[in-house]
Amino acid sequence: MHIVIGLFFIAHGVAHLVGFLSYWQITTFEEMPYKTTQLAGRFDAGDTGVRVIGVLWLVGALAFIVSGLGLIFLQPWWQTLTLYTTIYSLALSVLGWPDSRYGLIINIIILGYLFFGDRLGWLPLITD
């Protein structure tokens, strides 16, 4: 089961690439069109600002991919990295609201898995 969940984390990381590709105008996505406004249009970051935000999405993508690989290979740090990455991703999802609303939901699910998974026996046991 940990492999499936690790692959889910990797897929979520790949989904983060949409933000990078869109804000760097490498390609266009209907789900996340290029725009310079954030926070549901309340803040205009400008072209340079959204490029910076695009890099933040790329960092989130890489972090989720690494945390997914950490879980798949049962590395002792996977849970800590996933927690911090999910909180980071939540902040990006709020910034990109409403385009990133599905990511927000997925991040809440991941946080639930991290916080309740141990109590429910869903987290893999890692022994050194």
Protein backbone atom coordinates (compact mmCIF):
# COMPACT_ATOMS: atom_id res chain seq x y z
CA MET A 1 0.00 0.00 0.00
CA HIS A 2 2.89 2.39 0.70
CA ILE A 3 3.94 2.14 -2.95
CA VAL A 4 0.49 3.22 -4.16
CA ILE A 5 0.45 6.18 -1.77
CA GLY A 6 4.01 7.10 -2.75
CA LEU A 7 2.93 7.07 -6.41
CA PHE A 8 0.00 9.31 -5.43
CA PHE A 9 2.45 11.79 -3.89
CA ILE A 10 4.54 11.68 -7.07
CA ALA A 11 1.41 12.29 -9.18
CA HIS A 12 0.54 15.26 -6.99
CA GLY A 13 4.06 16.56 -7.58
CA VAL A 14 3.60 16.20 -11.33
CA ALA A 15 0.35 18.16 -11.00
CA HIS A 16 2.35 20.98 -9.42
CA LEU A 17 4.25 21.28 -12.69
CA VAL A 18 1.11 22.80 -14.20
CA GLY A 19 1.70 25.93 -12.12
CA PHE A 20 5.30 26.19 -13.25
CA LEU A 21 4.56 25.56 -16.92
CA SER A 22 1.62 27.96 -16.93
CA TYR A 23 3.31 30.85 -15.10
CA TRP A 24 6.41 30.53 -17.24
CA GLN A 25 4.15 30.46 -20.33
CA ILE A 26 5.75 27.24 -21.54
CA THR A 27 2.30 25.87 -22.32
CA THR A 28 -1.30 26.72 -21.53
CA PHE A 29 -3.80 24.80 -19.45
CA GLU A 30 -7.52 25.35 -19.29
CA GLU A 31 -7.45 24.48 -15.57
CA MET A 32 -4.74 27.03 -14.79
CA PRO A 33 -4.50 29.77 -17.41
CA TYR A 34 -1.68 32.30 -17.42
CA LYS A 35 -2.54 35.34 -15.39
CA THR A 36 -0.66 37.72 -13.18
CA THR A 37 -3.28 37.94 -10.45
CA GLN A 38 -3.32 35.74 -7.36
CA LEU A 39 -5.61 35.27 -4.35
CA ALA A 40 -8.74 35.09 -6.55
CA GLY A 41 -7.73 38.26 -8.42
CA ARG A 42 -7.06 40.34 -5.31
CA PHE A 43 -3.29 40.66 -5.84
CA ASP A 44 -1.48 41.42 -9.09
CA ALA A 45 2.01 39.95 -8.95
CA GLY A 46 2.97 41.13 -12.44
CA ASP A 47 4.88 39.09 -15.01
CA THR A 48 8.04 38.83 -12.89
CA GLY A 49 6.06 37.96 -9.77
CA VAL A 50 4.21 35.08 -11.42
CA ARG A 51 7.51 33.72 -12.71
CA VAL A 52 8.72 33.62 -9.11
CA ILE A 53 5.46 31.92 -8.12
CA GLY A 54 6.01 29.48 -11.00
CA VAL A 55 9.38 28.55 -9.51
CA LEU A 56 7.65 28.00 -6.16
CA TRP A 57 5.29 25.55 -7.90
CA LEU A 58 8.33 23.78 -9.38
CA VAL A 59 9.91 23.47 -5.92
CA GLY A 60 6.64 21.96 -4.64
CA ALA A 61 6.63 19.51 -7.54
CA LEU A 62 10.16 18.34 -6.81
CA ALA A 63 9.50 18.09 -3.08
CA PHE A 64 6.41 15.90 -3.57
CA ILE A 65 8.27 13.69 -6.04
CA VAL A 66 11.12 13.22 -3.55
CA SER A 67 8.70 12.57 -0.65
CA GLY A 68 6.85 9.99 -2.75
CA LEU A 69 10.12 8.25 -3.57
CA GLY A 70 11.06 8.42 0.10
CA LEU A 71 7.85 6.63 1.02
CA ILE A 72 8.23 4.03 -1.73
CA PHE A 73 11.75 3.22 -0.54
CA LEU A 74 10.74 3.50 3.14
CA GLN A 75 13.17 6.25 4.02
CA PRO A 76 12.85 7.50 7.60
CA TRP A 77 12.50 11.16 6.49
CA TRP A 78 9.56 10.71 4.10
CA GLN A 79 6.90 11.67 6.66
CA THR A 80 8.60 14.90 7.78
CA LEU A 81 9.28 15.99 4.19
CA THR A 82 5.71 15.18 3.17
CA LEU A 83 4.28 17.19 6.07
CA TYR A 84 6.33 20.30 5.27
CA THR A 85 5.74 19.91 1.54
CA THR A 86 1.99 19.59 2.05
CA ILE A 87 1.84 22.74 4.18
CA TYR A 88 3.90 24.53 1.51
CA SER A 89 1.54 23.22 -1.17
CA LEU A 90 -1.48 24.38 0.83
CA ALA A 91 -0.07 27.91 0.84
CA LEU A 92 0.47 27.77 -2.93
CA SER A 93 -3.07 26.46 -3.40
CA VAL A 94 -4.49 29.35 -1.39
CA LEU A 95 -2.39 31.78 -3.42
CA GLY A 96 -3.65 30.27 -6.67
CA TRP A 97 -7.28 30.00 -5.58
CA PRO A 98 -9.71 29.21 -7.25
CA ASP A 99 -7.67 27.55 -10.02
CA SER A 100 -5.89 25.31 -7.51
CA ARG A 101 -8.98 24.28 -5.53
CA TYR A 102 -8.51 20.57 -6.30
CA GLY A 103 -4.93 20.76 -5.05
CA LEU A 104 -6.21 22.28 -1.83
CA ILE A 105 -8.54 19.32 -1.33
CA ILE A 106 -5.77 16.82 -2.08
CA ASN A 107 -3.46 18.56 0.39
CA ILE A 108 -6.10 18.31 3.11
CA ILE A 109 -6.45 14.60 2.36
CA ILE A 110 -2.67 14.14 2.59
CA LEU A 111 -2.58 15.98 5.91
CA GLY A 112 -5.37 13.71 7.17
CA TYR A 113 -3.38 10.68 6.08
CA LEU A 114 -0.29 11.95 7.90
CA PHE A 115 -2.10 12.88 11.11
CA PHE A 116 -4.52 9.96 11.38
CA GLY A 117 -2.62 7.30 9.46
CA ASP A 118 -0.45 6.35 12.39
CA ARG A 119 -3.44 5.91 14.70
CA LEU A 120 -5.24 3.83 12.08
CA GLY A 121 -2.19 1.73 11.20
CA TRP A 122 -1.97 3.12 7.66
CA LEU A 123 1.62 4.35 7.86
CA PRO A 124 4.36 1.86 7.05
CA LEU A 125 6.63 0.75 9.86
CA ILE A 126 10.20 1.75 9.16
CA THR A 127 12.95 0.02 11.08
CA ASP A 128 16.61 0.93 10.83
